[in-house]
Amino acid sequence: MAGESTNSSLRTVDHAARAAKGAENRYEQDLIDALSGGTNTMVRYVDTPPGSGSPAGMHVHVFDQLFYIISGTMSIEIDGDCFEAGPGSLVVFPEGVPHRN
């Protein structure tokens, strides 16, 4: 796994891979999942270029999904409610509730 540490409890974002992809492209990196030791949790780093969003459009999951906004502003729709989430926001998409970003 790119960005993996020798300590299995520490995961880091591979900023070189992100930079190589280019700022205009969406970048995703799984920090923990079933293939890297996760049993009940998946954590993914996603850098989404301005003007783009979820490739799936409006969708649901069979689990709660959390987004933590590091920079920029993300337009969110959850079950028909629309709002803007800025830096420092934790967005909670509840299990089974239609949403998109």
N, C-alpha and C. Protein backbone atom coordinates (compact mmCIF):
# COMPACT_ATOMS: atom_id res chain seq x y z
N MET A 1 0.85 -1.16 0.00
CA MET A 1 0.00 0.00 0.00
C MET A 1 0.90 1.23 0.00
N ALA A 2 0.69 2.14 -0.94
CA ALA A 2 1.46 3.37 -1.00
C ALA A 2 1.22 4.18 0.26
N GLY A 3 2.26 4.79 0.78
CA GLY A 3 2.12 5.60 1.97
C GLY A 3 2.08 4.79 3.26
N GLU A 4 2.28 3.47 3.16
CA GLU A 4 2.21 2.62 4.34
C GLU A 4 3.46 2.79 5.19
N SER A 5 3.28 2.77 6.48
CA SER A 5 4.37 2.89 7.43
C SER A 5 4.78 1.49 7.89
N THR A 6 5.95 1.40 8.52
CA THR A 6 6.35 0.13 9.11
C THR A 6 5.51 -0.15 10.36
N ASN A 7 4.86 0.86 10.92
CA ASN A 7 3.95 0.70 12.05
C ASN A 7 2.55 0.49 11.49
N SER A 8 1.94 -0.65 11.74
CA SER A 8 0.63 -0.96 11.16
C SER A 8 -0.48 -0.06 11.69
N SER A 9 -0.21 0.71 12.74
CA SER A 9 -1.21 1.62 13.29
C SER A 9 -1.14 3.01 12.67
N LEU A 10 -0.16 3.29 11.84
CA LEU A 10 0.02 4.60 11.24
C LEU A 10 -0.12 4.51 9.74
N ARG A 11 -1.07 5.25 9.19
CA ARG A 11 -1.27 5.27 7.74
C ARG A 11 -1.09 6.71 7.26
N THR A 12 -0.46 6.91 6.12
CA THR A 12 -0.23 8.25 5.60
C THR A 12 -0.68 8.35 4.15
N VAL A 13 -1.06 9.55 3.77
CA VAL A 13 -1.46 9.81 2.39
C VAL A 13 -0.20 9.88 1.53
N ASP A 14 -0.25 9.27 0.36
CA ASP A 14 0.87 9.29 -0.59
C ASP A 14 0.77 10.57 -1.43
N HIS A 15 1.35 11.65 -0.93
CA HIS A 15 1.24 12.95 -1.59
C HIS A 15 1.97 12.98 -2.94
N ALA A 16 3.01 12.17 -3.10
CA ALA A 16 3.71 12.11 -4.39
C ALA A 16 2.81 11.50 -5.45
N ALA A 17 2.08 10.45 -5.11
CA ALA A 17 1.14 9.84 -6.07
C ALA A 17 0.03 10.82 -6.40
N ARG A 18 -0.44 11.58 -5.40
CA ARG A 18 -1.47 12.58 -5.63
C ARG A 18 -0.98 13.63 -6.60
N ALA A 19 0.21 14.12 -6.38
CA ALA A 19 0.78 15.16 -7.25
C ALA A 19 0.99 14.63 -8.66
N ALA A 20 1.40 13.39 -8.80
CA ALA A 20 1.64 12.80 -10.12
C ALA A 20 0.34 12.68 -10.92
N LYS A 21 -0.78 12.53 -10.24
CA LYS A 21 -2.07 12.39 -10.93
C LYS A 21 -2.54 13.73 -11.49
N GLY A 22 -2.10 14.84 -10.89
CA GLY A 22 -2.49 16.17 -11.36
C GLY A 22 -3.70 16.69 -10.60
N ALA A 23 -3.71 17.97 -10.32
CA ALA A 23 -4.75 18.60 -9.50
C ALA A 23 -6.12 18.56 -10.15
N GLU A 24 -6.18 18.40 -11.46
CA GLU A 24 -7.48 18.39 -12.15
C GLU A 24 -8.15 17.01 -12.12
N ASN A 25 -7.48 16.02 -11.55
CA ASN A 25 -8.02 14.65 -11.51
C ASN A 25 -8.37 14.23 -10.09
N ARG A 26 -9.43 13.47 -9.95
CA ARG A 26 -9.83 12.91 -8.66
C ARG A 26 -8.77 11.89 -8.22
N TYR A 27 -8.39 11.94 -6.96
CA TYR A 27 -7.42 10.99 -6.41
C TYR A 27 -8.03 10.30 -5.20
N GLU A 28 -7.92 8.99 -5.15
CA GLU A 28 -8.42 8.20 -4.03
C GLU A 28 -7.32 7.26 -3.56
N GLN A 29 -7.22 7.12 -2.24
CA GLN A 29 -6.26 6.17 -1.66
C GLN A 29 -6.91 5.53 -0.45
N ASP A 30 -7.01 4.22 -0.45
CA ASP A 30 -7.51 3.51 0.73
C ASP A 30 -6.42 3.52 1.79
N LEU A 31 -6.76 4.04 2.97
CA LEU A 31 -5.80 4.05 4.07
C LEU A 31 -5.94 2.80 4.93
N ILE A 32 -7.15 2.29 5.02
CA ILE A 32 -7.37 0.99 5.66
C ILE A 32 -8.63 0.39 5.06
N ASP A 33 -8.57 -0.89 4.77
CA ASP A 33 -9.71 -1.62 4.24
C ASP A 33 -9.50 -3.11 4.54
N ALA A 34 -10.34 -3.95 4.01
CA ALA A 34 -10.24 -5.39 4.29
C ALA A 34 -8.91 -5.98 3.83
N LEU A 35 -8.29 -5.39 2.81
CA LEU A 35 -7.03 -5.91 2.30
C LEU A 35 -5.82 -5.47 3.12
N SER A 36 -6.01 -4.45 3.97
CA SER A 36 -4.87 -3.94 4.74
C SER A 36 -5.11 -3.98 6.25
N GLY A 37 -5.96 -4.89 6.70
CA GLY A 37 -6.14 -5.09 8.13
C GLY A 37 -7.42 -4.57 8.72
N GLY A 38 -8.23 -3.89 7.94
CA GLY A 38 -9.50 -3.38 8.47
C GLY A 38 -10.51 -4.52 8.60
N THR A 39 -11.20 -4.57 9.72
CA THR A 39 -12.21 -5.61 9.90
C THR A 39 -13.62 -5.03 9.91
N ASN A 40 -13.79 -3.84 10.46
CA ASN A 40 -15.12 -3.22 10.52
C ASN A 40 -15.13 -1.82 9.93
N THR A 41 -14.00 -1.36 9.42
CA THR A 41 -13.88 0.03 9.00
C THR A 41 -13.10 0.13 7.70
N MET A 42 -13.48 1.12 6.89
CA MET A 42 -12.70 1.50 5.72
C MET A 42 -12.48 3.00 5.79
N VAL A 43 -11.25 3.44 5.60
CA VAL A 43 -10.95 4.86 5.55
C VAL A 43 -10.26 5.12 4.22
N ARG A 44 -10.79 6.11 3.51
CA ARG A 44 -10.27 6.44 2.19
C ARG A 44 -10.00 7.94 2.14
N TYR A 45 -8.85 8.31 1.60
CA TYR A 45 -8.52 9.71 1.33
C TYR A 45 -9.00 10.00 -0.08
N VAL A 46 -9.79 11.07 -0.25
CA VAL A 46 -10.29 11.45 -1.57
C VAL A 46 -10.03 12.94 -1.77
N ASP A 47 -9.39 13.28 -2.86
CA ASP A 47 -9.17 14.67 -3.25
C ASP A 47 -9.99 14.88 -4.52
N THR A 48 -11.02 15.70 -4.42
CA THR A 48 -11.95 15.90 -5.53
C THR A 48 -11.71 17.28 -6.14
N PRO A 49 -11.45 17.36 -7.44
CA PRO A 49 -11.23 18.65 -8.09
C PRO A 49 -12.48 19.52 -8.05
N PRO A 50 -12.31 20.84 -8.07
CA PRO A 50 -13.48 21.74 -8.11
C PRO A 50 -14.41 21.39 -9.27
N GLY A 51 -15.71 21.45 -8.99
CA GLY A 51 -16.71 21.22 -10.02
C GLY A 51 -17.07 19.76 -10.25
N SER A 52 -16.36 18.85 -9.59
CA SER A 52 -16.71 17.44 -9.75
C SER A 52 -17.25 16.92 -8.43
N GLY A 53 -17.75 15.74 -8.42
CA GLY A 53 -18.32 15.18 -7.20
C GLY A 53 -18.35 13.67 -7.27
N SER A 54 -19.32 13.10 -6.61
CA SER A 54 -19.45 11.66 -6.56
C SER A 54 -19.71 11.11 -7.95
N PRO A 55 -18.88 10.19 -8.43
CA PRO A 55 -19.12 9.59 -9.74
C PRO A 55 -20.45 8.84 -9.80
N ALA A 56 -20.98 8.42 -8.65
CA ALA A 56 -22.23 7.65 -8.62
C ALA A 56 -23.46 8.53 -8.63
N GLY A 57 -23.33 9.86 -8.50
CA GLY A 57 -24.50 10.73 -8.39
C GLY A 57 -25.26 10.41 -7.10
N MET A 58 -26.57 10.56 -7.11
CA MET A 58 -27.38 10.25 -5.93
C MET A 58 -27.31 8.74 -5.67
N HIS A 59 -26.98 8.35 -4.42
CA HIS A 59 -26.81 6.93 -4.11
C HIS A 59 -26.98 6.69 -2.61
N VAL A 60 -26.99 5.44 -2.21
CA VAL A 60 -27.09 5.04 -0.80
C VAL A 60 -26.01 4.00 -0.51
N HIS A 61 -25.75 3.81 0.80
CA HIS A 61 -24.81 2.78 1.24
C HIS A 61 -25.48 1.94 2.32
N VAL A 62 -24.94 0.75 2.57
CA VAL A 62 -25.43 -0.12 3.65
C VAL A 62 -24.61 0.11 4.92
N PHE A 63 -23.99 1.28 5.02
CA PHE A 63 -23.18 1.68 6.17
C PHE A 63 -23.21 3.20 6.24
N ASP A 64 -22.89 3.76 7.41
CA ASP A 64 -22.73 5.20 7.54
C ASP A 64 -21.46 5.60 6.81
N GLN A 65 -21.49 6.77 6.17
CA GLN A 65 -20.31 7.28 5.48
C GLN A 65 -20.00 8.66 6.06
N LEU A 66 -18.73 8.94 6.32
CA LEU A 66 -18.31 10.22 6.87
C LEU A 66 -17.34 10.90 5.93
N PHE A 67 -17.51 12.19 5.73
CA PHE A 67 -16.55 13.01 4.98
C PHE A 67 -16.05 14.09 5.92
N TYR A 68 -14.73 14.25 6.01
CA TYR A 68 -14.15 15.37 6.74
C TYR A 68 -13.55 16.30 5.70
N ILE A 69 -14.02 17.53 5.64
CA ILE A 69 -13.57 18.50 4.64
C ILE A 69 -12.30 19.18 5.15
N ILE A 70 -11.19 19.01 4.43
CA ILE A 70 -9.92 19.60 4.82
C ILE A 70 -9.79 21.01 4.25
N SER A 71 -10.12 21.17 2.97
CA SER A 71 -10.04 22.49 2.35
C SER A 71 -11.12 22.60 1.28
N GLY A 72 -11.41 23.82 0.89
CA GLY A 72 -12.44 24.05 -0.11
C GLY A 72 -13.82 23.91 0.49
N THR A 73 -14.81 23.94 -0.37
CA THR A 73 -16.21 23.81 0.04
C THR A 73 -16.86 22.76 -0.81
N MET A 74 -17.63 21.88 -0.19
CA MET A 74 -18.32 20.82 -0.90
C MET A 74 -19.82 21.03 -0.80
N SER A 75 -20.49 20.97 -1.95
CA SER A 75 -21.96 21.01 -1.98
C SER A 75 -22.47 19.62 -1.69
N ILE A 76 -23.38 19.52 -0.74
CA ILE A 76 -23.88 18.24 -0.26
C ILE A 76 -25.40 18.20 -0.39
N GLU A 77 -25.94 17.06 -0.77
CA GLU A 77 -27.38 16.82 -0.70
C GLU A 77 -27.58 15.51 0.06
N ILE A 78 -28.37 15.58 1.15
CA ILE A 78 -28.69 14.40 1.94
C ILE A 78 -30.20 14.35 2.12
N ASP A 79 -30.82 13.34 1.54
CA ASP A 79 -32.27 13.13 1.67
C ASP A 79 -33.06 14.38 1.31
N GLY A 80 -32.62 15.08 0.23
CA GLY A 80 -33.33 16.26 -0.26
C GLY A 80 -32.90 17.57 0.36
N ASP A 81 -32.11 17.55 1.43
CA ASP A 81 -31.60 18.77 2.05
C ASP A 81 -30.25 19.11 1.43
N CYS A 82 -30.08 20.36 0.97
CA CYS A 82 -28.84 20.80 0.34
C CYS A 82 -28.13 21.82 1.22
N PHE A 83 -26.82 21.71 1.29
CA PHE A 83 -26.03 22.68 2.05
C PHE A 83 -24.58 22.66 1.59
N GLU A 84 -23.81 23.62 2.07
CA GLU A 84 -22.38 23.73 1.77
C GLU A 84 -21.59 23.35 3.01
N ALA A 85 -20.58 22.52 2.83
CA ALA A 85 -19.70 22.11 3.93
C ALA A 85 -18.31 22.66 3.65
N GLY A 86 -17.79 23.44 4.58
CA GLY A 86 -16.47 24.05 4.42
C GLY A 86 -15.41 23.35 5.24
N PRO A 87 -14.19 23.87 5.21
CA PRO A 87 -13.08 23.27 5.95
C PRO A 87 -13.42 23.08 7.43
N GLY A 88 -13.05 21.92 7.95
CA GLY A 88 -13.32 21.59 9.34
C GLY A 88 -14.68 20.96 9.56
N SER A 89 -15.46 20.75 8.49
CA SER A 89 -16.78 20.13 8.61
C SER A 89 -16.68 18.61 8.54
N LEU A 90 -17.44 17.95 9.39
CA LEU A 90 -17.61 16.50 9.30
C LEU A 90 -19.02 16.27 8.78
N VAL A 91 -19.13 15.65 7.62
CA VAL A 91 -20.42 15.37 6.99
C VAL A 91 -20.76 13.91 7.25
N VAL A 92 -21.98 13.65 7.73
CA VAL A 92 -22.43 12.29 8.03
C VAL A 92 -23.53 11.92 7.05
N PHE A 93 -23.27 10.90 6.24
CA PHE A 93 -24.27 10.32 5.35
C PHE A 93 -24.77 9.05 6.03
N PRO A 94 -25.99 9.07 6.60
CA PRO A 94 -26.47 7.89 7.31
C PRO A 94 -26.74 6.70 6.38
N GLU A 95 -26.60 5.53 6.92
CA GLU A 95 -26.89 4.30 6.18
C GLU A 95 -28.28 4.35 5.56
N GLY A 96 -28.37 4.00 4.29
CA GLY A 96 -29.64 3.89 3.60
C GLY A 96 -30.30 5.19 3.18
N VAL A 97 -29.65 6.34 3.42
CA VAL A 97 -30.24 7.63 3.09
C VAL A 97 -29.62 8.13 1.78
N PRO A 98 -30.46 8.50 0.79
CA PRO A 98 -29.92 9.00 -0.49
C PRO A 98 -29.08 10.26 -0.30
N HIS A 99 -27.92 10.31 -0.97
CA HIS A 99 -27.04 11.46 -0.84
C HIS A 99 -26.14 11.59 -2.07
N ARG A 100 -25.55 12.77 -2.19
CA ARG A 100 -24.54 13.02 -3.23
C ARG A 100 -23.73 14.24 -2.83
N ASN A 101 -22.57 14.35 -3.44
CA ASN A 101 -21.71 15.52 -3.22
C ASN A 101 -21.23 16.04 -4.56
